[in-house]
């Protein structure tokens, strides 16, 4: 008899300033299986990394939940939770962008680890740089 177990995928991220690169990542991750879980970084976790998001965790969570490729959103509260999440949710494939290549290979004993290439010419960091530059130029023009 053939098993009908769904293939579950998980990915992690801040998902700030949600953009087409995020959509492509989630679409490609979901295409690897049947169910996609997305762990969205909590504000406190971002602060512990010396980073901040434009949007609150609750807003980013709501936006990611609205994406048709996503089946479940959970909070990312620390670096160490990944193994426990994989086990708790019976994850088959752990997916991250290739900017993290090799960083999560240690999880290969509990699931398949897969790195996806980034969407060219778009990232939250680039958007933030553009917004900061525009703000600085606007402030200079008003001075």
C-alpha atoms as a PDB file:
ATOM      1  CA  UNK A   1       0.000   0.000   0.000  1.00  0.00           C
ATOM      2  CA  UNK A   2       1.335   3.446  -0.950  1.00  0.00           C
ATOM      3  CA  UNK A   3       1.808   6.064   1.770  1.00  0.00           C
ATOM      4  CA  UNK A   4      -0.254   9.232   1.420  1.00  0.00           C
ATOM      5  CA  UNK A   5       1.864  11.312   3.792  1.00  0.00           C
ATOM      6  CA  UNK A   6       2.073  14.934   2.768  1.00  0.00           C
ATOM      7  CA  UNK A   7       5.495  16.428   2.166  1.00  0.00           C
ATOM      8  CA  UNK A   8       5.937  19.313   4.607  1.00  0.00           C
ATOM      9  CA  UNK A   9       8.324  22.197   3.947  1.00  0.00           C
ATOM     10  CA  UNK A  10       9.466  24.871   6.388  1.00  0.00           C
ATOM     11  CA  UNK A  11      11.276  28.162   5.838  1.00  0.00           C
ATOM     12  CA  UNK A  12      12.280  31.047   8.092  1.00  0.00           C
ATOM     13  CA  UNK A  13      12.598  34.784   7.618  1.00  0.00           C
ATOM     14  CA  UNK A  14      11.714  38.286   8.706  1.00  0.00           C
ATOM     15  CA  UNK A  15       9.571  38.972   5.615  1.00  0.00           C
ATOM     16  CA  UNK A  16       9.777  42.733   6.136  1.00  0.00           C
ATOM     17  CA  UNK A  17       8.527  44.968   3.322  1.00  0.00           C
ATOM     18  CA  UNK A  18       6.994  41.900   1.650  1.00  0.00           C
ATOM     19  CA  UNK A  19       7.969  41.905  -2.037  1.00  0.00           C
ATOM     20  CA  UNK A  20       8.052  39.760  -5.183  1.00  0.00           C
ATOM     21  CA  UNK A  21      11.246  38.039  -4.019  1.00  0.00           C
ATOM     22  CA  UNK A  22       9.391  36.781  -0.954  1.00  0.00           C
ATOM     23  CA  UNK A  23       6.488  35.600  -3.109  1.00  0.00           C
ATOM     24  CA  UNK A  24       8.881  33.732  -5.435  1.00  0.00           C
ATOM     25  CA  UNK A  25      10.659  32.085  -2.485  1.00  0.00           C
ATOM     26  CA  UNK A  26       7.361  30.926  -0.981  1.00  0.00           C
ATOM     27  CA  UNK A  27       6.023  29.748  -4.346  1.00  0.00           C
ATOM     28  CA  UNK A  28       9.173  27.758  -5.092  1.00  0.00           C
ATOM     29  CA  UNK A  29       9.317  26.334  -1.565  1.00  0.00           C
ATOM     30  CA  UNK A  30       5.669  25.225  -1.732  1.00  0.00           C
ATOM     31  CA  UNK A  31       6.292  23.577  -5.112  1.00  0.00           C
ATOM     32  CA  UNK A  32       8.675  21.164  -3.351  1.00  0.00           C
ATOM     33  CA  UNK A  33       5.809  19.537  -1.465  1.00  0.00           C
ATOM     34  CA  UNK A  34       2.262  19.679  -0.176  1.00  0.00           C
ATOM     35  CA  UNK A  35       2.338  21.906   2.898  1.00  0.00           C
ATOM     36  CA  UNK A  36       4.402  25.034   3.611  1.00  0.00           C
ATOM     37  CA  UNK A  37       5.107  26.305   7.108  1.00  0.00           C
ATOM     38  CA  UNK A  38       6.692  29.752   7.421  1.00  0.00           C
ATOM     39  CA  UNK A  39       8.394  30.887  10.617  1.00  0.00           C
ATOM     40  CA  UNK A  40       8.324  34.693  10.800  1.00  0.00           C
ATOM     41  CA  UNK A  41      10.930  36.364  13.026  1.00  0.00           C
ATOM     42  CA  UNK A  42       9.501  38.009  16.126  1.00  0.00           C
ATOM     43  CA  UNK A  43      10.483  41.620  16.837  1.00  0.00           C
ATOM     44  CA  UNK A  44      12.399  40.562  19.963  1.00  0.00           C
ATOM     45  CA  UNK A  45      14.435  38.032  17.979  1.00  0.00           C
ATOM     46  CA  UNK A  46      15.297  40.659  15.363  1.00  0.00           C
ATOM     47  CA  UNK A  47      16.370  43.039  18.151  1.00  0.00           C
ATOM     48  CA  UNK A  48      18.637  40.333  19.614  1.00  0.00           C
ATOM     49  CA  UNK A  49      20.352  40.195  16.181  1.00  0.00           C
ATOM     50  CA  UNK A  50      20.755  43.988  16.131  1.00  0.00           C
ATOM     51  CA  UNK A  51      18.105  44.353  13.423  1.00  0.00           C
ATOM     52  CA  UNK A  52      14.718  45.981  13.233  1.00  0.00           C
ATOM     53  CA  UNK A  53      11.809  45.648  10.843  1.00  0.00           C
ATOM     54  CA  UNK A  54       9.671  48.424   9.404  1.00  0.00           C
ATOM     55  CA  UNK A  55       6.536  46.392  10.143  1.00  0.00           C
ATOM     56  CA  UNK A  56       5.635  44.713  13.419  1.00  0.00           C
ATOM     57  CA  UNK A  57       5.688  40.946  13.818  1.00  0.00           C
ATOM     58  CA  UNK A  58       1.876  40.852  13.870  1.00  0.00           C
ATOM     59  CA  UNK A  59       1.657  42.794  10.592  1.00  0.00           C
ATOM     60  CA  UNK A  60       4.345  40.670   8.906  1.00  0.00           C
ATOM     61  CA  UNK A  61       2.625  37.496  10.145  1.00  0.00           C
ATOM     62  CA  UNK A  62      -0.731  38.686   8.747  1.00  0.00           C
ATOM     63  CA  UNK A  63       0.837  39.466   5.358  1.00  0.00           C
ATOM     64  CA  UNK A  64       2.583  36.079   5.120  1.00  0.00           C
ATOM     65  CA  UNK A  65      -0.612  34.272   6.200  1.00  0.00           C
ATOM     66  CA  UNK A  66      -2.414  35.952   3.282  1.00  0.00           C
ATOM     67  CA  UNK A  67      -0.016  34.411   0.740  1.00  0.00           C
ATOM     68  CA  UNK A  68      -1.746  31.546  -1.059  1.00  0.00           C
ATOM     69  CA  UNK A  69       1.364  29.344  -0.937  1.00  0.00           C
ATOM     70  CA  UNK A  70       1.490  29.359   2.885  1.00  0.00           C
ATOM     71  CA  UNK A  71      -0.397  26.835   4.993  1.00  0.00           C
ATOM     72  CA  UNK A  72       0.787  27.811   8.486  1.00  0.00           C
ATOM     73  CA  UNK A  73       2.738  30.678  10.056  1.00  0.00           C
ATOM     74  CA  UNK A  74       4.615  30.173  13.322  1.00  0.00           C
ATOM     75  CA  UNK A  75       6.834  32.589  15.274  1.00  0.00           C
ATOM     76  CA  UNK A  76      10.622  32.449  15.026  1.00  0.00           C
ATOM     77  CA  UNK A  77      11.882  33.360  18.476  1.00  0.00           C
ATOM     78  CA  UNK A  78      15.510  32.154  18.448  1.00  0.00           C
ATOM     79  CA  UNK A  79      18.171  30.444  16.338  1.00  0.00           C
ATOM     80  CA  UNK A  80      17.942  27.190  18.273  1.00  0.00           C
ATOM     81  CA  UNK A  81      14.257  26.376  17.648  1.00  0.00           C
ATOM     82  CA  UNK A  82      14.659  25.058  14.105  1.00  0.00           C
ATOM     83  CA  UNK A  83      15.370  21.431  15.032  1.00  0.00           C
ATOM     84  CA  UNK A  84      12.428  21.360  17.474  1.00  0.00           C
ATOM     85  CA  UNK A  85      10.118  22.932  14.846  1.00  0.00           C
ATOM     86  CA  UNK A  86      11.168  20.352  12.256  1.00  0.00           C
ATOM     87  CA  UNK A  87      10.423  17.494  14.630  1.00  0.00           C
ATOM     88  CA  UNK A  88       7.181  18.987  16.031  1.00  0.00           C
ATOM     89  CA  UNK A  89       5.726  19.630  12.563  1.00  0.00           C
ATOM     90  CA  UNK A  90       7.092  16.447  10.901  1.00  0.00           C
ATOM     91  CA  UNK A  91       8.965  18.551   8.349  1.00  0.00           C
ATOM     92  CA  UNK A  92      10.491  16.796   5.355  1.00  0.00           C
ATOM     93  CA  UNK A  93      12.315  19.716   3.707  1.00  0.00           C
ATOM     94  CA  UNK A  94      13.967  22.770   5.285  1.00  0.00           C
ATOM     95  CA  UNK A  95      14.282  25.623   2.752  1.00  0.00           C
ATOM     96  CA  UNK A  96      16.293  28.840   2.900  1.00  0.00           C
ATOM     97  CA  UNK A  97      17.646  31.330   0.376  1.00  0.00           C
ATOM     98  CA  UNK A  98      21.087  30.573  -1.025  1.00  0.00           C
ATOM     99  CA  UNK A  99      22.530  33.514   0.896  1.00  0.00           C
ATOM    100  CA  UNK A 100      22.403  31.022   3.818  1.00  0.00           C
ATOM    101  CA  UNK A 101      24.067  28.198   1.827  1.00  0.00           C
ATOM    102  CA  UNK A 102      25.745  25.701   4.153  1.00  0.00           C
ATOM    103  CA  UNK A 103      24.618  27.413   7.371  1.00  0.00           C
ATOM    104  CA  UNK A 104      21.867  24.884   8.092  1.00  0.00           C
ATOM    105  CA  UNK A 105      23.434  21.692   6.766  1.00  0.00           C
ATOM    106  CA  UNK A 106      23.605  20.465  10.373  1.00  0.00           C
ATOM    107  CA  UNK A 107      19.827  19.850  10.136  1.00  0.00           C
ATOM    108  CA  UNK A 108      20.319  17.197   7.435  1.00  0.00           C
ATOM    109  CA  UNK A 109      20.046  14.452  10.048  1.00  0.00           C
ATOM    110  CA  UNK A 110      16.350  15.307  10.637  1.00  0.00           C
ATOM    111  CA  UNK A 111      15.199  16.453   7.172  1.00  0.00           C
ATOM    112  CA  UNK A 112      16.376  17.401   3.696  1.00  0.00           C
ATOM    113  CA  UNK A 113      18.032  20.844   3.569  1.00  0.00           C
ATOM    114  CA  UNK A 114      17.481  22.810   0.367  1.00  0.00           C
ATOM    115  CA  UNK A 115      18.752  26.280  -0.619  1.00  0.00           C
ATOM    116  CA  UNK A 116      16.896  28.305  -3.257  1.00  0.00           C
ATOM    117  CA  UNK A 117      18.489  31.039  -5.362  1.00  0.00           C
ATOM    118  CA  UNK A 118      17.367  34.558  -4.610  1.00  0.00           C
ATOM    119  CA  UNK A 119      15.217  36.616  -6.955  1.00  0.00           C
ATOM    120  CA  UNK A 120      17.657  39.004  -8.707  1.00  0.00           C
ATOM    121  CA  UNK A 121      17.617  42.749  -8.044  1.00  0.00           C
ATOM    122  CA  UNK A 122      15.133  42.706  -5.146  1.00  0.00           C
ATOM    123  CA  UNK A 123      15.542  42.418  -1.389  1.00  0.00           C
ATOM    124  CA  UNK A 124      14.181  44.065   1.729  1.00  0.00           C
ATOM    125  CA  UNK A 125      17.657  45.516   2.325  1.00  0.00           C
ATOM    126  CA  UNK A 126      17.657  47.213  -1.098  1.00  0.00           C
ATOM    127  CA  UNK A 127      14.160  48.598  -0.498  1.00  0.00           C
ATOM    128  CA  UNK A 128      15.228  49.941   2.925  1.00  0.00           C
ATOM    129  CA  UNK A 129      18.325  51.570   1.383  1.00  0.00           C
ATOM    130  CA  UNK A 130      16.144  53.228  -1.255  1.00  0.00           C
ATOM    131  CA  UNK A 131      13.646  54.442   1.364  1.00  0.00           C
ATOM    132  CA  UNK A 132      16.431  55.804   3.586  1.00  0.00           C
ATOM    133  CA  UNK A 133      18.048  57.583   0.610  1.00  0.00           C
ATOM    134  CA  UNK A 134      14.701  59.103  -0.435  1.00  0.00           C
ATOM    135  CA  UNK A 135      14.054  60.267   3.124  1.00  0.00           C
ATOM    136  CA  UNK A 136      17.508  61.866   3.365  1.00  0.00           C
ATOM    137  CA  UNK A 137      17.054  63.617   0.006  1.00  0.00           C
ATOM    138  CA  UNK A 138      13.608  64.895   1.035  1.00  0.00           C
ATOM    139  CA  UNK A 139      14.952  66.201   4.335  1.00  0.00           C
ATOM    140  CA  UNK A 140      17.841  67.933   2.539  1.00  0.00           C
ATOM    141  CA  UNK A 141      15.441  69.560   0.071  1.00  0.00           C
ATOM    142  CA  UNK A 142      13.350  70.927   2.942  1.00  0.00           C
ATOM    143  CA  UNK A 143      16.349  72.309   4.840  1.00  0.00           C
END
